Amino acid sequence: MPITKAIIPVAGWGTRRLPITKIIEKSMLPVGNRPLVDYSVQELIKAGIKDIYMVISNVEPCQVQEYYKDNLALNQYLIDRGKADRLALAKTLPDDVKIHYTVQDPAGKYGTAVPIAMVVEEYNINEPVLVFMGDDFVWNPNGASASETLLSALQDSSDCAILGSEIDQNQVEKYGVFSVEDGKLVGIVEKPKPAEAPSNLINISKYVMSPALLQEIVHYVADNDFGPQDQEYMVTDPIYSFIKKGGVMRVAKAEGEYLDGGSVEGWLHANNVVCGQN
């Protein structure tokens, strides 16, 4: 069965990018002529996704929502000024694709598992989905996208998949690093010393998640009551539980370059790469 649904968390204050994130949502920071999140949205659409579930903050107006709406006044302006050839550039979403929005209260539970659990419960999702974060993407304009690479890794309808990016062994101390056996994820070692790293594949938070894993995430969030300053609800915890119970998570290696807009340095580098200045 083809996968037609995807979840993209874009809520949060983006505190690492203050002060600019006081007025621009982190996922809307521009890379080239498009916002960060749109690189993931457009590649998911090309991979056959028809329903995208975005988890947004309870701040109005929401810039993500505004971006993906038709701007009727702009469209009319382009027509009136003889610039109808630019209407396609102003249309950010095909007619057969729908974005569903779930609002996350920043004062509530937080962490990468929470928005996924919220979407699964609100929309009663019981089928495989792609899960991408909203502030990074893989740049590979002339080859396979992250979505395509993930989907090609699946061997069974019950499989999950996780995407890794290959980096220099000496850089692994900054990341979560995959431990892999027979093409399957065994674990993720956080910030290991280069000599102790099980591989040089780092976690870039892009997944195919089966219904069984989605339910594992829902129960993990519901059954734990971490204090607001105690512990984040990290999606890697229910992934470990899923694997220990016999679940299969295939490991796929990203083609192209992983670009992360979460830091100023990463965002500047992403602009240089996309604009052909690297």
C-alpha atoms as a PDB file:
ATOM      1  CA  MET A   1       0.000   0.000   0.000  1.00  0.00           C
ATOM      2  CA  PRO A   2       1.493   3.375  -0.961  1.00  0.00           C
ATOM      3  CA  ILE A   3       2.199   5.855   1.828  1.00  0.00           C
ATOM      4  CA  THR A   4       0.155   9.025   1.356  1.00  0.00           C
ATOM      5  CA  LYS A   5       0.442  10.723   4.764  1.00  0.00           C
ATOM      6  CA  ALA A   6       3.243  12.661   6.444  1.00  0.00           C
ATOM      7  CA  ILE A   7       3.718  14.421   9.788  1.00  0.00           C
ATOM      8  CA  ILE A   8       5.852  17.564  10.109  1.00  0.00           C
ATOM      9  CA  PRO A   9       6.294  19.163  13.565  1.00  0.00           C
ATOM     10  CA  VAL A  10       6.909  22.918  13.253  1.00  0.00           C
ATOM     11  CA  ALA A  11       5.834  24.167  16.697  1.00  0.00           C
ATOM     12  CA  GLY A  12       8.161  25.730  19.252  1.00  0.00           C
ATOM     13  CA  TRP A  13       9.829  29.068  19.816  1.00  0.00           C
ATOM     14  CA  GLY A  14      13.090  28.278  18.037  1.00  0.00           C
ATOM     15  CA  THR A  15      15.066  29.630  20.995  1.00  0.00           C
ATOM     16  CA  ARG A  16      18.426  28.709  19.448  1.00  0.00           C
ATOM     17  CA  ARG A  17      17.712  31.231  16.702  1.00  0.00           C
ATOM     18  CA  LEU A  18      16.676  34.194  18.861  1.00  0.00           C
ATOM     19  CA  PRO A  19      16.218  37.095  18.358  1.00  0.00           C
ATOM     20  CA  ILE A  20      15.024  36.587  14.761  1.00  0.00           C
ATOM     21  CA  THR A  21      12.539  33.915  15.851  1.00  0.00           C
ATOM     22  CA  LYS A  22      10.663  36.530  17.862  1.00  0.00           C
ATOM     23  CA  ILE A  23       9.040  37.524  14.575  1.00  0.00           C
ATOM     24  CA  ILE A  24       9.812  34.708  12.112  1.00  0.00           C
ATOM     25  CA  GLU A  25       8.915  31.104  12.877  1.00  0.00           C
ATOM     26  CA  LYS A  26      12.017  28.917  12.699  1.00  0.00           C
ATOM     27  CA  SER A  27      10.596  26.706   9.960  1.00  0.00           C
ATOM     28  CA  MET A  28       9.843  29.830   7.908  1.00  0.00           C
ATOM     29  CA  LEU A  29      13.396  31.162   7.866  1.00  0.00           C
ATOM     30  CA  PRO A  30      14.341  31.584   4.189  1.00  0.00           C
ATOM     31  CA  VAL A  31      16.778  29.326   2.384  1.00  0.00           C
ATOM     32  CA  GLY A  32      17.169  30.745  -1.083  1.00  0.00           C
ATOM     33  CA  ASN A  33      13.714  31.930  -2.089  1.00  0.00           C
ATOM     34  CA  ARG A  34      11.719  29.457   0.001  1.00  0.00           C
ATOM     35  CA  PRO A  35      11.185  28.768   3.703  1.00  0.00           C
ATOM     36  CA  LEU A  36      13.016  25.892   5.362  1.00  0.00           C
ATOM     37  CA  VAL A  37       9.952  23.699   5.794  1.00  0.00           C
ATOM     38  CA  ASP A  38       8.938  23.968   2.149  1.00  0.00           C
ATOM     39  CA  TYR A  39      11.913  21.895   0.992  1.00  0.00           C
ATOM     40  CA  SER A  40      10.472  18.952   2.913  1.00  0.00           C
ATOM     41  CA  VAL A  41       6.891  19.690   1.871  1.00  0.00           C
ATOM     42  CA  GLN A  42       7.686  19.802  -1.836  1.00  0.00           C
ATOM     43  CA  GLU A  43       9.734  16.600  -1.815  1.00  0.00           C
ATOM     44  CA  LEU A  44       7.022  14.773   0.140  1.00  0.00           C
ATOM     45  CA  ILE A  45       4.471  15.860  -2.449  1.00  0.00           C
ATOM     46  CA  LYS A  46       6.687  14.523  -5.241  1.00  0.00           C
ATOM     47  CA  ALA A  47       6.898  11.211  -3.353  1.00  0.00           C
ATOM     48  CA  GLY A  48       3.089  10.848  -3.469  1.00  0.00           C
ATOM     49  CA  ILE A  49       2.043  12.389  -0.153  1.00  0.00           C
ATOM     50  CA  LYS A  50      -1.497  13.793  -0.269  1.00  0.00           C
ATOM     51  CA  ASP A  51      -2.160  14.598   3.400  1.00  0.00           C
ATOM     52  CA  ILE A  52       0.391  16.526   5.453  1.00  0.00           C
ATOM     53  CA  TYR A  53      -0.177  16.938   9.191  1.00  0.00           C
ATOM     54  CA  MET A  54       1.654  19.954  10.592  1.00  0.00           C
ATOM     55  CA  VAL A  55       1.902  20.559  14.320  1.00  0.00           C
ATOM     56  CA  ILE A  56       2.024  24.315  14.905  1.00  0.00           C
ATOM     57  CA  SER A  57       2.278  26.658  17.887  1.00  0.00           C
ATOM     58  CA  ASN A  58      -0.776  28.453  19.273  1.00  0.00           C
ATOM     59  CA  VAL A  59       0.471  31.819  18.018  1.00  0.00           C
ATOM     60  CA  GLU A  60      -1.594  33.884  15.610  1.00  0.00           C
ATOM     61  CA  PRO A  61      -1.198  34.601  12.824  1.00  0.00           C
ATOM     62  CA  CYS A  62       0.642  31.383  12.041  1.00  0.00           C
ATOM     63  CA  GLN A  63       3.125  32.105   9.278  1.00  0.00           C
ATOM     64  CA  VAL A  64       3.182  28.488   8.103  1.00  0.00           C
ATOM     65  CA  GLN A  65      -0.579  28.519   7.586  1.00  0.00           C
ATOM     66  CA  GLU A  66      -0.406  31.845   5.787  1.00  0.00           C
ATOM     67  CA  TYR A  67       2.304  30.579   3.460  1.00  0.00           C
ATOM     68  CA  TYR A  68       0.327  27.538   2.347  1.00  0.00           C
ATOM     69  CA  LYS A  69      -2.929  29.434   1.766  1.00  0.00           C
ATOM     70  CA  ASP A  70      -3.791  30.944  -1.614  1.00  0.00           C
ATOM     71  CA  ASN A  71      -3.191  34.703  -1.510  1.00  0.00           C
ATOM     72  CA  LEU A  72      -6.134  35.910  -3.593  1.00  0.00           C
ATOM     73  CA  ALA A  73      -5.114  39.566  -3.441  1.00  0.00           C
ATOM     74  CA  LEU A  74      -1.626  38.725  -4.724  1.00  0.00           C
ATOM     75  CA  ASN A  75      -3.064  36.542  -7.477  1.00  0.00           C
ATOM     76  CA  GLN A  76      -5.318  39.335  -8.657  1.00  0.00           C
ATOM     77  CA  TYR A  77      -2.437  41.809  -8.544  1.00  0.00           C
ATOM     78  CA  LEU A  78      -0.326  39.564 -10.766  1.00  0.00           C
ATOM     79  CA  ILE A  79      -3.175  39.216 -13.253  1.00  0.00           C
ATOM     80  CA  ASP A  80      -3.921  42.947 -13.289  1.00  0.00           C
ATOM     81  CA  ARG A  81      -0.243  43.827 -13.835  1.00  0.00           C
ATOM     82  CA  GLY A  82       0.252  41.382 -16.680  1.00  0.00           C
ATOM     83  CA  LYS A  83       2.354  39.027 -14.556  1.00  0.00           C
ATOM     84  CA  ALA A  84       0.131  35.953 -14.753  1.00  0.00           C
ATOM     85  CA  ASP A  85       3.198  33.863 -15.595  1.00  0.00           C
ATOM     86  CA  ARG A  86       4.163  34.218 -11.910  1.00  0.00           C
ATOM     87  CA  LEU A  87       0.934  32.724 -10.564  1.00  0.00           C
ATOM     88  CA  ALA A  88       2.549  29.281 -10.442  1.00  0.00           C
ATOM     89  CA  LEU A  89       5.296  30.657  -8.178  1.00  0.00           C
ATOM     90  CA  ALA A  90       2.703  32.084  -5.806  1.00  0.00           C
ATOM     91  CA  LYS A  91       0.839  28.758  -5.548  1.00  0.00           C
ATOM     92  CA  THR A  92       2.591  26.791  -2.819  1.00  0.00           C
ATOM     93  CA  LEU A  93       0.333  23.723  -2.668  1.00  0.00           C
ATOM     94  CA  PRO A  94      -1.234  21.564  -5.416  1.00  0.00           C
ATOM     95  CA  ASP A  95      -5.023  21.249  -5.384  1.00  0.00           C
ATOM     96  CA  ASP A  96      -4.888  17.522  -4.565  1.00  0.00           C
ATOM     97  CA  VAL A  97      -2.732  17.978  -1.443  1.00  0.00           C
ATOM     98  CA  LYS A  98      -4.159  19.056   1.899  1.00  0.00           C
ATOM     99  CA  ILE A  99      -2.391  20.311   5.018  1.00  0.00           C
ATOM    100  CA  HIS A 100      -4.078  19.547   8.333  1.00  0.00           C
ATOM    101  CA  TYR A 101      -3.039  21.621  11.342  1.00  0.00           C
ATOM    102  CA  THR A 102      -2.763  20.526  14.967  1.00  0.00           C
ATOM    103  CA  VAL A 103      -2.040  23.170  17.603  1.00  0.00           C
ATOM    104  CA  GLN A 104       0.508  22.354  20.304  1.00  0.00           C
ATOM    105  CA  ASP A 105       0.515  24.341  23.529  1.00  0.00           C
ATOM    106  CA  PRO A 106       4.137  25.323  24.287  1.00  0.00           C
ATOM    107  CA  ALA A 107       3.324  25.125  28.002  1.00  0.00           C
ATOM    108  CA  GLY A 108       2.436  21.428  27.725  1.00  0.00           C
ATOM    109  CA  LYS A 109       4.526  18.319  27.173  1.00  0.00           C
ATOM    110  CA  TYR A 110       7.410  18.806  24.790  1.00  0.00           C
ATOM    111  CA  GLY A 111       9.910  16.780  22.811  1.00  0.00           C
ATOM    112  CA  THR A 112      10.004  15.075  19.424  1.00  0.00           C
ATOM    113  CA  ALA A 113       7.528  12.335  20.404  1.00  0.00           C
ATOM    114  CA  VAL A 114       4.742  14.699  21.488  1.00  0.00           C
ATOM    115  CA  PRO A 115       3.610  16.175  18.143  1.00  0.00           C
ATOM    116  CA  ILE A 116       3.602  12.735  16.523  1.00  0.00           C
ATOM    117  CA  ALA A 117       1.394  11.344  19.292  1.00  0.00           C
ATOM    118  CA  MET A 118      -0.932  14.345  19.028  1.00  0.00           C
ATOM    119  CA  VAL A 119      -1.507  13.845  15.299  1.00  0.00           C
ATOM    120  CA  VAL A 120      -2.017  10.075  15.585  1.00  0.00           C
ATOM    121  CA  GLU A 121      -4.641  10.534  18.284  1.00  0.00           C
ATOM    122  CA  GLU A 122      -6.436  13.506  16.730  1.00  0.00           C
ATOM    123  CA  TYR A 123      -6.759  11.929  13.284  1.00  0.00           C
ATOM    124  CA  ASN A 124      -6.901   8.269  14.354  1.00  0.00           C
ATOM    125  CA  ILE A 125      -4.060   7.365  12.014  1.00  0.00           C
ATOM    126  CA  ASN A 126      -3.676   3.632  11.526  1.00  0.00           C
ATOM    127  CA  GLU A 127      -1.410   3.399   8.496  1.00  0.00           C
ATOM    128  CA  PRO A 128       2.283   4.004   7.777  1.00  0.00           C
ATOM    129  CA  VAL A 129       3.386   7.639   7.626  1.00  0.00           C
ATOM    130  CA  LEU A 130       6.509   9.607   6.826  1.00  0.00           C
ATOM    131  CA  VAL A 131       7.748  11.847   9.639  1.00  0.00           C
ATOM    132  CA  PHE A 132      10.047  14.792   8.883  1.00  0.00           C
ATOM    133  CA  MET A 133      11.153  17.645  11.107  1.00  0.00           C
ATOM    134  CA  GLY A 134      10.409  21.167   9.889  1.00  0.00           C
ATOM    135  CA  ASP A 135      13.794  22.883  10.154  1.00  0.00           C
ATOM    136  CA  ASP A 136      16.126  20.707   8.062  1.00  0.00           C
ATOM    137  CA  PHE A 137      16.230  18.852   4.757  1.00  0.00           C
ATOM    138  CA  VAL A 138      18.423  16.813   2.437  1.00  0.00           C
ATOM    139  CA  TRP A 139      19.619  18.690  -0.643  1.00  0.00           C
ATOM    140  CA  ASN A 140      19.943  16.409  -3.652  1.00  0.00           C
ATOM    141  CA  PRO A 141      18.316  18.204  -6.593  1.00  0.00           C
ATOM    142  CA  ASN A 142      19.632  15.781  -9.219  1.00  0.00           C
ATOM    143  CA  GLY A 143      19.077  12.498  -7.402  1.00  0.00           C
ATOM    144  CA  ALA A 144      16.866  10.608  -4.974  1.00  0.00           C
ATOM    145  CA  SER A 145      15.118  12.652  -2.308  1.00  0.00           C
ATOM    146  CA  ALA A 146      15.074  11.737   1.375  1.00  0.00           C
ATOM    147  CA  SER A 147      11.506  10.461   0.958  1.00  0.00           C
ATOM    148  CA  GLU A 148      12.418   8.246  -1.977  1.00  0.00           C
ATOM    149  CA  THR A 149      15.462   6.853  -0.174  1.00  0.00           C
ATOM    150  CA  LEU A 150      13.407   5.999   2.913  1.00  0.00           C
ATOM    151  CA  LEU A 151      10.611   4.363   0.955  1.00  0.00           C
ATOM    152  CA  SER A 152      13.038   2.273  -1.092  1.00  0.00           C
ATOM    153  CA  ALA A 153      14.497   0.822   2.127  1.00  0.00           C
ATOM    154  CA  LEU A 154      11.238  -0.878   3.116  1.00  0.00           C
ATOM    155  CA  GLN A 155      11.117  -4.632   2.544  1.00  0.00           C
ATOM    156  CA  ASP A 156       7.875  -5.536   4.283  1.00  0.00           C
ATOM    157  CA  SER A 157       4.589  -3.742   4.934  1.00  0.00           C
ATOM    158  CA  SER A 158       5.283  -3.805   8.686  1.00  0.00           C
ATOM    159  CA  ASP A 159       8.786  -2.317   8.357  1.00  0.00           C
ATOM    160  CA  CYS A 160       9.796   1.111   9.584  1.00  0.00           C
ATOM    161  CA  ALA A 161      12.762   3.053   8.237  1.00  0.00           C
ATOM    162  CA  ILE A 162      15.121   5.722   9.507  1.00  0.00           C
ATOM    163  CA  LEU A 163      17.400   7.977   7.467  1.00  0.00           C
ATOM    164  CA  GLY A 164      21.032   8.589   8.320  1.00  0.00           C
ATOM    165  CA  SER A 165      23.569  10.988   6.888  1.00  0.00           C
ATOM    166  CA  GLU A 166      27.170   9.874   6.485  1.00  0.00           C
ATOM    167  CA  ILE A 167      29.741  12.259   7.972  1.00  0.00           C
ATOM    168  CA  ASP A 168      33.438  12.290   8.761  1.00  0.00           C
ATOM    169  CA  GLN A 169      34.188   9.975  11.685  1.00  0.00           C
ATOM    170  CA  ASN A 170      35.907  12.803  13.554  1.00  0.00           C
ATOM    171  CA  GLN A 171      32.653  14.835  13.630  1.00  0.00           C
ATOM    172  CA  VAL A 172      30.412  12.242  15.296  1.00  0.00           C
ATOM    173  CA  GLU A 173      30.737  13.688  18.817  1.00  0.00           C
ATOM    174  CA  LYS A 174      28.044  16.279  18.004  1.00  0.00           C
ATOM    175  CA  TYR A 175      25.354  13.795  16.986  1.00  0.00           C
ATOM    176  CA  GLY A 176      23.351  10.676  17.670  1.00  0.00           C
ATOM    177  CA  VAL A 177      25.081   7.860  15.761  1.00  0.00           C
ATOM    178  CA  PHE A 178      23.427   4.714  14.413  1.00  0.00           C
ATOM    179  CA  SER A 179      24.321   1.231  15.530  1.00  0.00           C
ATOM    180  CA  VAL A 180      23.346  -1.034  12.624  1.00  0.00           C
ATOM    181  CA  GLU A 181      23.218  -4.795  12.114  1.00  0.00           C
ATOM    182  CA  ASP A 182      22.150  -6.416   8.830  1.00  0.00           C
ATOM    183  CA  GLY A 183      20.723  -3.120   7.625  1.00  0.00           C
ATOM    184  CA  LYS A 184      18.518  -2.717  10.704  1.00  0.00           C
ATOM    185  CA  LEU A 185      18.740  -0.160  13.493  1.00  0.00           C
ATOM    186  CA  VAL A 186      19.954  -1.609  16.789  1.00  0.00           C
ATOM    187  CA  GLY A 187      20.351   1.644  18.685  1.00  0.00           C
ATOM    188  CA  ILE A 188      21.502   5.242  18.603  1.00  0.00           C
ATOM    189  CA  VAL A 189      24.594   6.241  20.561  1.00  0.00           C
ATOM    190  CA  GLU A 190      24.475   9.890  21.596  1.00  0.00           C
ATOM    191  CA  LYS A 191      27.612  11.968  20.998  1.00  0.00           C
ATOM    192  CA  PRO A 192      30.186   9.160  21.100  1.00  0.00           C
ATOM    193  CA  LYS A 193      33.930   9.624  20.912  1.00  0.00           C
ATOM    194  CA  PRO A 194      35.098   8.979  17.322  1.00  0.00           C
ATOM    195  CA  ALA A 195      36.938   5.803  18.326  1.00  0.00           C
ATOM    196  CA  GLU A 196      33.824   4.488  20.112  1.00  0.00           C
ATOM    197  CA  ALA A 197      31.227   5.376  17.481  1.00  0.00           C
ATOM    198  CA  PRO A 198      29.425   2.312  16.047  1.00  0.00           C
ATOM    199  CA  SER A 199      29.264   3.968  12.591  1.00  0.00           C
ATOM    200  CA  ASN A 200      29.530   7.352  10.923  1.00  0.00           C
ATOM    201  CA  LEU A 201      25.808   7.540  10.122  1.00  0.00           C
ATOM    202  CA  ILE A 202      24.079  10.266  12.137  1.00  0.00           C
ATOM    203  CA  ASN A 203      20.397  10.561  12.939  1.00  0.00           C
ATOM    204  CA  ILE A 204      18.703  13.313  10.913  1.00  0.00           C
ATOM    205  CA  SER A 205      15.168  12.656  12.229  1.00  0.00           C
ATOM    206  CA  LYS A 206      13.440  11.415   9.089  1.00  0.00           C
ATOM    207  CA  TYR A 207      11.374   8.260   9.352  1.00  0.00           C
ATOM    208  CA  VAL A 208       8.817   5.887   7.954  1.00  0.00           C
ATOM    209  CA  MET A 209       6.687   4.852  10.933  1.00  0.00           C
ATOM    210  CA  SER A 210       4.337   1.867  10.974  1.00  0.00           C
ATOM    211  CA  PRO A 211       1.036   1.806  12.916  1.00  0.00           C
ATOM    212  CA  ALA A 212       2.716  -0.324  15.603  1.00  0.00           C
ATOM    213  CA  LEU A 213       5.467   2.249  16.143  1.00  0.00           C
ATOM    214  CA  LEU A 214       2.957   5.107  16.109  1.00  0.00           C
ATOM    215  CA  GLN A 215       1.016   3.420  18.907  1.00  0.00           C
ATOM    216  CA  GLU A 216       4.248   2.867  20.831  1.00  0.00           C
ATOM    217  CA  ILE A 217       4.819   6.640  20.649  1.00  0.00           C
ATOM    218  CA  VAL A 218       1.250   7.430  21.737  1.00  0.00           C
ATOM    219  CA  HIS A 219       1.536   5.167  24.794  1.00  0.00           C
ATOM    220  CA  TYR A 220       4.976   6.517  25.686  1.00  0.00           C
ATOM    221  CA  VAL A 221       3.680  10.087  25.814  1.00  0.00           C
ATOM    222  CA  ALA A 222       0.431   9.166  27.589  1.00  0.00           C
ATOM    223  CA  ASP A 223       1.964   6.830  30.167  1.00  0.00           C
ATOM    224  CA  ASN A 224       4.814   9.099  31.316  1.00  0.00           C
ATOM    225  CA  ASP A 225       4.476  12.288  33.285  1.00  0.00           C
ATOM    226  CA  PHE A 226       7.802  14.089  33.089  1.00  0.00           C
ATOM    227  CA  GLY A 227       7.942  17.434  34.828  1.00  0.00           C
ATOM    228  CA  PRO A 228       8.274  20.581  32.683  1.00  0.00           C
ATOM    229  CA  GLN A 229      11.986  20.808  33.467  1.00  0.00           C
ATOM    230  CA  ASP A 230      12.772  17.125  33.981  1.00  0.00           C
ATOM    231  CA  GLN A 231      12.908  15.361  30.657  1.00  0.00           C
ATOM    232  CA  GLU A 232      11.857  15.746  27.040  1.00  0.00           C
ATOM    233  CA  TYR A 233       9.633  13.142  25.419  1.00  0.00           C
ATOM    234  CA  MET A 234      12.182  11.994  22.860  1.00  0.00           C
ATOM    235  CA  VAL A 235      10.949   9.857  19.968  1.00  0.00           C
ATOM    236  CA  THR A 236      14.072   7.690  20.215  1.00  0.00           C
ATOM    237  CA  ASP A 237      12.746   6.204  23.497  1.00  0.00           C
ATOM    238  CA  PRO A 238       9.664   4.536  21.958  1.00  0.00           C
ATOM    239  CA  ILE A 239      11.761   3.594  18.919  1.00  0.00           C
ATOM    240  CA  TYR A 240      14.082   1.624  21.254  1.00  0.00           C
ATOM    241  CA  SER A 241      11.051  -0.027  22.841  1.00  0.00           C
ATOM    242  CA  PHE A 242       9.629  -0.889  19.432  1.00  0.00           C
ATOM    243  CA  ILE A 243      12.906  -2.525  18.366  1.00  0.00           C
ATOM    244  CA  LYS A 244      13.233  -4.484  21.627  1.00  0.00           C
ATOM    245  CA  LYS A 245       9.776  -5.930  21.019  1.00  0.00           C
ATOM    246  CA  GLY A 246      10.893  -7.242  17.636  1.00  0.00           C
ATOM    247  CA  GLY A 247       9.954  -4.314  15.436  1.00  0.00           C
ATOM    248  CA  VAL A 248      12.086  -3.752  12.339  1.00  0.00           C
ATOM    249  CA  MET A 249      13.522  -0.344  11.478  1.00  0.00           C
ATOM    250  CA  ARG A 250      15.523  -0.379   8.281  1.00  0.00           C
ATOM    251  CA  VAL A 251      18.433   2.033   7.978  1.00  0.00           C
ATOM    252  CA  ALA A 252      18.741   4.104   4.816  1.00  0.00           C
ATOM    253  CA  LYS A 253      21.658   6.345   3.881  1.00  0.00           C
ATOM    254  CA  ALA A 254      20.757   9.786   2.578  1.00  0.00           C
ATOM    255  CA  GLU A 255      21.960  10.754  -0.864  1.00  0.00           C
ATOM    256  CA  GLY A 256      23.024  14.383  -1.126  1.00  0.00           C
ATOM    257  CA  GLU A 257      23.815  16.815   1.669  1.00  0.00           C
ATOM    258  CA  TYR A 258      21.987  17.166   4.960  1.00  0.00           C
ATOM    259  CA  LEU A 259      21.239  20.837   5.667  1.00  0.00           C
ATOM    260  CA  ASP A 260      20.098  22.056   9.080  1.00  0.00           C
ATOM    261  CA  GLY A 261      18.646  25.509   9.687  1.00  0.00           C
ATOM    262  CA  GLY A 262      18.555  25.156  13.471  1.00  0.00           C
ATOM    263  CA  SER A 263      21.767  27.119  13.973  1.00  0.00           C
ATOM    264  CA  VAL A 264      22.961  30.330  12.352  1.00  0.00           C
ATOM    265  CA  GLU A 265      25.982  28.540  10.896  1.00  0.00           C
ATOM    266  CA  GLY A 266      23.866  25.705   9.514  1.00  0.00           C
ATOM    267  CA  TRP A 267      21.330  28.110   8.038  1.00  0.00           C
ATOM    268  CA  LEU A 268      24.026  30.200   6.330  1.00  0.00           C
ATOM    269  CA  HIS A 269      25.625  27.049   4.930  1.00  0.00           C
ATOM    270  CA  ALA A 270      22.240  25.854   3.638  1.00  0.00           C
ATOM    271  CA  ASN A 271      21.754  29.149   1.799  1.00  0.00           C
ATOM    272  CA  ASN A 272      25.224  28.910   0.278  1.00  0.00           C
ATOM    273  CA  VAL A 273      24.592  25.359  -0.927  1.00  0.00           C
ATOM    274  CA  VAL A 274      21.120  26.010  -2.331  1.00  0.00           C
ATOM    275  CA  CYS A 275      22.214  29.230  -4.009  1.00  0.00           C
ATOM    276  CA  GLY A 276      25.214  27.507  -5.571  1.00  0.00           C
ATOM    277  CA  GLN A 277      27.844  29.407  -3.599  1.00  0.00           C
ATOM    278  CA  ASN A 278      29.444  26.443  -1.871  1.00  0.00           C
END
